[in-house]
Amino acid sequence: MNRMLKSLVLVTALNSVAVVVTAGCSRNNIEAVNLANEGDKAKGTDVDSAISKYEQATNLDPTSHRILWKLGLAYAKKEQWDKVATTMAKAEKLEPNHANFSYLRGMALARQAVKGPTGWADAKAPLEESLRLDPNGPDYPTGAGWDAKNAGSTHFELAEVLYHLDDEKGALIEYTKAVQAKPDELSFYGPLAALYIDLTLLNEAEEVLTQGVIFGKDGDKSLFNVHSLLGQVADMKGDLGKAATEYELAKKACGLCNEAGQQIAFFNLGAALASLKPPKKSEAMAQLQSFQKMICKGAAATRYADQCTTAQQLASKLGGTLQ
């Protein structure tokens, strides 16, 4: 076989291999897309099934950042934050200029930091990167579970991270930006006001909360926090009448107040009513007694030891005892 014929045979063989490889990749890509589409159909009713489909799809086509994004969102619905973070890290490597991926990874790392496996500092860089890539906020697809285009969530997540890193100035700036970006999101107002209270900037805290309560709607759980903080500000300013009014509104907002952290509503209202001049004895005792039964007789007694002691002291001043 002459040299020219050998070269022709070699080229033909290589081309055949390339065709086979390309065909295999194409089949994998098509199958991955089909599986992802099946996942899309299942995500509204069966998240576990959707995750399984997306995982299979990513195994077939690990280079698809779009499928990784869908998988990350599905993990987020299950609050599997470690998997969200690792999935979005892969997506970022494939598409480093996408604000969505940086935001979701930063949020996932922040959620992990609450429980302790990672530090808050890990979440800072991806959230800052998300805002650098798109100051207007990530652009989520319809039905993703977040606003389609809104920087408020990113600023808020970054503020939470900075707060836990003891950067109070930075946290104030980012909380404020979150409110400015989405002023009708009531949940953004409480943490900003709480930080002002920590800094003993009571007028600023009251102004923030007063602005926020305008956006309150029946059923919005954030109303409990906002009214509770307004009551705290009034209490610290010595306006016990307003404090009692706000604490009563907070209790109304949480309904049965049987979720974690809401039971403090009974103590706050009871203490405020007991401190009025003259005190509203019967109403105060009823609230303090409810707090006694729900908290001081239960597993949370240690956490609220100071309030439990104060409740007993207030009851004694009112001429009664808590059972």
Protein backbone atom coordinates (compact mmCIF):
# COMPACT_ATOMS: atom_id res chain seq x y z
CA MET A 1 0.00 0.00 0.00
CA ASN A 2 1.54 3.26 -1.07
CA ARG A 3 1.91 6.24 1.25
CA MET A 4 -1.01 8.19 -0.24
CA LEU A 5 -3.37 5.21 0.11
CA LYS A 6 -2.30 4.66 3.71
CA SER A 7 -3.01 8.30 4.51
CA LEU A 8 -6.44 8.05 2.93
CA VAL A 9 -7.29 4.93 4.93
CA LEU A 10 -6.14 6.61 8.18
CA VAL A 11 -8.18 9.76 7.53
CA THR A 12 -11.25 7.68 6.70
CA ALA A 13 -10.85 5.67 9.93
CA LEU A 14 -10.47 8.78 12.05
CA ASN A 15 -13.51 10.34 10.46
CA SER A 16 -15.51 7.20 11.21
CA VAL A 17 -14.50 7.33 14.87
CA ALA A 18 -15.42 11.02 15.03
CA VAL A 19 -18.83 10.29 13.56
CA VAL A 20 -19.44 7.54 16.12
CA VAL A 21 -18.33 9.77 19.02
CA THR A 22 -20.40 12.71 17.76
CA ALA A 23 -23.42 10.49 17.31
CA GLY A 24 -23.00 9.16 20.83
CA CYS A 25 -22.75 12.67 22.25
CA SER A 26 -25.79 13.76 20.28
CA ARG A 27 -27.82 10.84 21.57
CA ASN A 28 -26.77 11.64 25.13
CA ASN A 29 -27.67 15.29 24.68
CA ILE A 30 -31.09 14.43 23.28
CA GLU A 31 -31.77 11.93 26.04
CA ALA A 32 -30.63 14.47 28.65
CA VAL A 33 -33.01 17.08 27.26
CA ASN A 34 -35.87 14.59 27.27
CA LEU A 35 -35.17 13.63 30.87
CA ALA A 36 -34.97 17.29 31.87
CA ASN A 37 -38.33 17.90 30.22
CA GLU A 38 -39.79 15.01 32.22
CA GLY A 39 -38.33 16.61 35.33
CA ASP A 40 -40.00 19.91 34.43
CA LYS A 41 -43.37 18.16 34.25
CA ALA A 42 -42.88 16.45 37.61
CA LYS A 43 -41.42 19.33 39.64
CA GLY A 44 -44.80 20.83 40.54
CA THR A 45 -46.20 17.66 42.10
CA ASP A 46 -43.28 15.33 42.77
CA VAL A 47 -39.99 17.07 43.48
CA ASP A 48 -38.17 13.82 44.27
CA SER A 49 -39.08 12.43 40.86
CA ALA A 50 -37.98 15.70 39.22
CA ILE A 51 -34.64 15.52 41.02
CA SER A 52 -34.13 11.96 39.83
CA LYS A 53 -34.80 12.99 36.22
CA TYR A 54 -32.49 16.01 36.43
CA GLU A 55 -29.73 13.93 38.02
CA GLN A 56 -29.98 11.37 35.23
CA ALA A 57 -29.91 14.18 32.71
CA THR A 58 -26.76 15.73 34.19
CA ASN A 59 -25.04 12.33 34.18
CA LEU A 60 -25.75 12.07 30.46
CA ASP A 61 -24.78 15.68 29.75
CA PRO A 62 -22.62 17.17 32.53
CA THR A 63 -21.88 20.21 30.37
CA SER A 64 -25.43 21.60 30.42
CA HIS A 65 -25.53 24.50 32.85
CA ARG A 66 -29.26 24.87 32.13
CA ILE A 67 -30.02 21.40 33.48
CA LEU A 68 -27.74 22.01 36.46
CA TRP A 69 -29.74 25.15 37.19
CA LYS A 70 -32.99 23.18 37.16
CA LEU A 71 -31.44 20.56 39.43
CA GLY A 72 -30.22 23.26 41.83
CA LEU A 73 -33.70 24.76 42.07
CA ALA A 74 -35.19 21.33 42.74
CA TYR A 75 -32.66 20.70 45.51
CA ALA A 76 -33.55 24.12 46.94
CA LYS A 77 -37.22 23.10 47.17
CA LYS A 78 -36.13 20.16 49.31
CA GLU A 79 -33.78 22.44 51.28
CA GLN A 80 -30.85 20.20 50.41
CA TRP A 81 -28.49 23.13 50.63
CA ASP A 82 -25.25 21.18 50.41
CA LYS A 83 -26.35 19.73 47.07
CA VAL A 84 -27.54 23.13 45.90
CA ALA A 85 -24.11 24.62 46.61
CA THR A 86 -22.14 21.89 44.85
CA THR A 87 -24.51 21.86 41.86
CA MET A 88 -24.29 25.62 41.40
CA ALA A 89 -20.51 25.50 41.73
CA LYS A 90 -20.47 23.17 38.71
CA ALA A 91 -22.81 25.49 36.83
CA GLU A 92 -20.58 28.50 37.61
CA LYS A 93 -17.55 26.73 36.14
CA LEU A 94 -19.48 26.12 32.94
CA GLU A 95 -21.00 29.62 32.80
CA PRO A 96 -19.08 31.97 35.12
CA ASN A 97 -20.96 35.11 34.06
CA HIS A 98 -24.42 34.05 35.20
CA ALA A 99 -25.76 35.95 38.24
CA ASN A 100 -28.35 33.23 38.96
CA PHE A 101 -25.76 30.60 39.72
CA SER A 102 -23.71 32.81 42.03
CA TYR A 103 -26.81 33.94 43.92
CA LEU A 104 -28.20 30.46 44.46
CA ARG A 105 -24.83 29.11 45.61
CA GLY A 106 -24.39 32.02 48.01
CA MET A 107 -27.88 31.55 49.41
CA ALA A 108 -27.28 27.82 49.85
CA LEU A 109 -24.01 28.43 51.69
CA ALA A 110 -25.77 30.94 53.96
CA ARG A 111 -28.46 28.37 54.76
CA GLN A 112 -25.76 25.88 55.63
CA ALA A 113 -24.02 28.42 57.83
CA VAL A 114 -27.14 28.71 59.99
CA LYS A 115 -26.73 25.05 60.90
CA GLY A 116 -22.97 25.26 61.24
CA PRO A 117 -21.33 23.01 58.62
CA THR A 118 -19.86 25.96 56.73
CA GLY A 119 -18.93 29.49 57.67
CA TRP A 120 -20.76 32.67 56.80
CA ALA A 121 -17.66 33.95 55.04
CA ASP A 122 -18.09 31.27 52.36
CA ALA A 123 -21.41 32.79 51.30
CA LYS A 124 -20.14 36.36 50.96
CA ALA A 125 -18.14 36.12 47.73
CA PRO A 126 -20.78 34.45 45.52
CA LEU A 127 -23.47 36.92 46.63
CA GLU A 128 -21.18 39.86 45.92
CA GLU A 129 -20.30 38.29 42.58
CA SER A 130 -23.99 37.91 41.72
CA LEU A 131 -24.56 41.63 42.29
CA ARG A 132 -21.44 42.49 40.32
CA LEU A 133 -22.67 40.43 37.38
CA ASP A 134 -26.16 41.91 37.54
CA PRO A 135 -26.88 44.82 39.94
CA ASN A 136 -30.58 44.46 39.11
CA GLY A 137 -30.68 40.98 40.56
CA PRO A 138 -30.82 37.47 39.16
CA ASP A 139 -33.25 36.76 36.35
CA TYR A 140 -35.19 33.65 37.31
CA PRO A 141 -37.41 31.66 34.96
CA THR A 142 -41.15 31.71 35.49
CA GLY A 143 -42.19 29.47 38.37
CA ALA A 144 -38.75 29.31 39.92
CA GLY A 145 -40.09 30.46 43.25
CA TRP A 146 -38.49 33.91 43.31
CA ASP A 147 -39.25 37.21 41.66
CA ALA A 148 -38.34 37.25 37.99
CA LYS A 149 -36.02 40.24 38.28
CA ASN A 150 -35.25 41.65 41.69
CA ALA A 151 -32.04 42.59 43.48
CA GLY A 152 -33.75 42.82 46.86
CA SER A 153 -33.25 39.16 47.71
CA THR A 154 -29.55 39.27 46.88
CA HIS A 155 -28.96 42.39 48.97
CA PHE A 156 -30.93 40.85 51.82
CA GLU A 157 -28.98 37.58 51.74
CA LEU A 158 -25.72 39.52 51.66
CA ALA A 159 -26.89 41.66 54.58
CA GLU A 160 -27.60 38.54 56.63
CA VAL A 161 -24.13 37.24 55.87
CA LEU A 162 -22.45 40.53 56.78
CA TYR A 163 -24.45 40.75 60.01
CA HIS A 164 -23.20 37.33 61.08
CA LEU A 165 -19.67 38.39 60.16
CA ASP A 166 -20.05 41.35 62.59
CA ASP A 167 -19.96 43.87 59.76
CA GLU A 168 -22.84 45.98 61.08
CA LYS A 169 -22.18 48.92 58.77
CA GLY A 170 -22.14 46.69 55.72
CA ALA A 171 -25.27 44.90 56.91
CA LEU A 172 -27.12 48.20 57.36
CA ILE A 173 -26.22 49.24 53.83
CA GLU A 174 -27.34 45.95 52.30
CA TYR A 175 -30.57 45.69 54.34
CA THR A 176 -31.41 49.21 53.23
CA LYS A 177 -30.68 48.37 49.59
CA ALA A 178 -32.94 45.33 49.89
CA VAL A 179 -35.82 47.50 51.11
CA GLN A 180 -35.17 50.07 48.39
CA ALA A 181 -35.09 47.39 45.69
CA LYS A 182 -38.35 45.80 46.81
CA PRO A 183 -40.21 48.08 49.25
CA ASP A 184 -43.33 45.90 49.33
CA GLU A 185 -41.44 42.92 50.79
CA LEU A 186 -42.37 43.25 54.47
CA SER A 187 -39.91 40.57 55.62
CA PHE A 188 -36.99 42.88 54.72
CA TYR A 189 -37.99 45.56 57.25
CA GLY A 190 -37.74 43.58 60.49
CA PRO A 191 -34.03 42.67 60.33
CA LEU A 192 -33.10 46.24 59.33
CA ALA A 193 -35.08 47.66 62.24
CA ALA A 194 -33.70 45.04 64.64
CA LEU A 195 -30.16 46.09 63.74
CA TYR A 196 -31.03 49.74 64.35
CA ILE A 197 -32.39 48.70 67.76
CA ASP A 198 -29.17 46.84 68.54
CA LEU A 199 -27.34 50.07 67.74
CA THR A 200 -29.82 51.99 69.98
CA LEU A 201 -30.97 54.02 66.98
CA LEU A 202 -34.60 53.85 68.04
CA ASN A 203 -35.95 56.67 65.88
CA GLU A 204 -34.45 55.09 62.78
CA ALA A 205 -35.88 51.71 63.73
CA GLU A 206 -39.33 53.18 64.29
CA GLU A 207 -39.24 54.99 60.96
CA VAL A 208 -38.31 51.80 59.09
CA LEU A 209 -41.05 49.78 60.79
CA THR A 210 -43.68 52.48 60.26
CA GLN A 211 -42.86 52.49 56.55
CA GLY A 212 -42.94 48.73 56.40
CA VAL A 213 -46.26 48.15 58.14
CA ILE A 214 -47.98 50.00 55.28
CA PHE A 215 -47.29 46.97 53.09
CA GLY A 216 -48.67 44.48 55.59
CA LYS A 217 -51.48 42.22 54.42
CA ASP A 218 -53.71 39.84 56.34
CA GLY A 219 -51.95 36.53 56.68
CA ASP A 220 -48.46 37.93 56.19
CA LYS A 221 -46.37 36.32 58.94
CA SER A 222 -43.90 39.19 58.79
CA LEU A 223 -46.50 41.42 60.46
CA PHE A 224 -45.82 39.60 63.72
CA ASN A 225 -42.16 40.59 63.64
CA VAL A 226 -42.84 44.18 62.57
CA HIS A 227 -45.46 44.84 65.27
CA SER A 228 -43.34 43.08 67.90
CA LEU A 229 -40.41 45.34 67.09
CA LEU A 230 -42.64 48.43 67.10
CA GLY A 231 -43.77 47.35 70.56
CA GLN A 232 -40.16 46.93 71.66
CA VAL A 233 -39.24 50.40 70.41
CA ALA A 234 -42.22 51.95 72.18
CA ASP A 235 -41.34 50.05 75.35
CA MET A 236 -37.74 51.29 75.21
CA LYS A 237 -39.02 54.83 74.74
CA GLY A 238 -41.30 54.48 77.76
CA ASP A 239 -44.55 54.65 75.77
CA LEU A 240 -46.24 51.69 77.46
CA GLY A 241 -49.65 52.39 75.95
CA LYS A 242 -48.31 52.19 72.40
CA ALA A 243 -46.20 49.18 73.34
CA ALA A 244 -49.32 47.32 74.52
CA THR A 245 -51.16 48.24 71.32
CA GLU A 246 -48.34 47.01 69.09
CA TYR A 247 -47.88 43.80 71.07
CA GLU A 248 -51.59 43.15 70.76
CA LEU A 249 -51.37 43.64 66.98
CA ALA A 250 -48.38 41.28 66.91
CA LYS A 251 -50.36 38.63 68.76
CA LYS A 252 -53.26 39.09 66.37
CA ALA A 253 -50.89 38.67 63.41
CA CYS A 254 -49.60 35.30 64.62
CA GLY A 255 -53.05 33.86 65.36
CA LEU A 256 -52.58 30.88 67.70
CA CYS A 257 -48.91 31.87 68.01
CA ASN A 258 -47.90 28.23 68.27
CA GLU A 259 -44.95 28.36 65.90
CA ALA A 260 -41.39 28.55 67.14
CA GLY A 261 -40.56 32.04 68.41
CA GLN A 262 -44.15 33.28 68.33
CA GLN A 263 -45.04 32.29 71.90
CA ILE A 264 -43.11 35.32 73.13
CA ALA A 265 -46.16 37.30 72.01
CA PHE A 266 -48.00 36.23 75.17
CA PHE A 267 -45.18 37.44 77.41
CA ASN A 268 -44.72 40.73 75.57
CA LEU A 269 -48.41 41.59 75.71
CA GLY A 270 -48.82 40.39 79.27
CA ALA A 271 -45.82 42.36 80.51
CA ALA A 272 -46.99 45.52 78.73
CA LEU A 273 -50.52 45.26 80.16
CA ALA A 274 -49.11 44.61 83.62
CA SER A 275 -46.89 47.70 83.40
CA LEU A 276 -49.67 50.13 82.45
CA LYS A 277 -50.77 52.67 85.01
CA PRO A 278 -53.17 51.43 86.15
CA PRO A 279 -52.39 47.87 85.00
CA LYS A 280 -54.96 45.76 83.19
CA LYS A 281 -54.72 42.96 85.71
CA SER A 282 -57.03 40.29 84.38
CA GLU A 283 -55.89 40.65 80.78
CA ALA A 284 -52.24 40.69 81.84
CA MET A 285 -52.62 37.59 84.00
CA ALA A 286 -54.33 35.70 81.18
CA GLN A 287 -51.46 36.42 78.78
CA LEU A 288 -48.77 35.64 81.33
CA GLN A 289 -50.51 32.40 82.29
CA SER A 290 -50.61 31.32 78.65
CA PHE A 291 -46.90 32.04 78.36
CA GLN A 292 -46.28 30.07 81.54
CA LYS A 293 -48.07 27.00 80.17
CA MET A 294 -46.65 27.16 76.68
CA ILE A 295 -43.03 28.01 77.50
CA CYS A 296 -42.10 27.92 81.15
CA LYS A 297 -43.57 24.45 81.66
CA GLY A 298 -42.00 23.06 78.52
CA ALA A 299 -38.71 22.35 76.80
CA ALA A 300 -38.14 26.01 75.94
CA ALA A 301 -38.05 27.10 79.60
CA THR A 302 -34.26 27.32 79.66
CA ARG A 303 -34.12 29.47 76.55
CA TYR A 304 -36.67 31.89 78.02
CA ALA A 305 -35.50 31.66 81.63
CA ASP A 306 -35.36 35.45 82.11
CA GLN A 307 -38.87 35.96 80.72
CA CYS A 308 -40.25 33.13 82.85
CA THR A 309 -38.78 34.71 85.97
CA THR A 310 -40.11 38.15 85.01
CA ALA A 311 -43.56 36.71 84.31
CA GLN A 312 -43.72 35.29 87.84
CA GLN A 313 -42.57 38.58 89.32
CA LEU A 314 -45.18 40.54 87.36
CA ALA A 315 -47.89 38.09 88.41
CA SER A 316 -46.93 38.59 92.07
CA LYS A 317 -47.15 42.37 91.70
CA LEU A 318 -50.62 41.91 90.25
CA GLY A 319 -51.59 39.86 93.31
CA GLY A 320 -51.63 36.48 91.62
CA THR A 321 -49.49 33.43 90.84
CA LEU A 322 -48.81 31.51 87.67
CA GLN A 323 -49.61 27.81 87.68
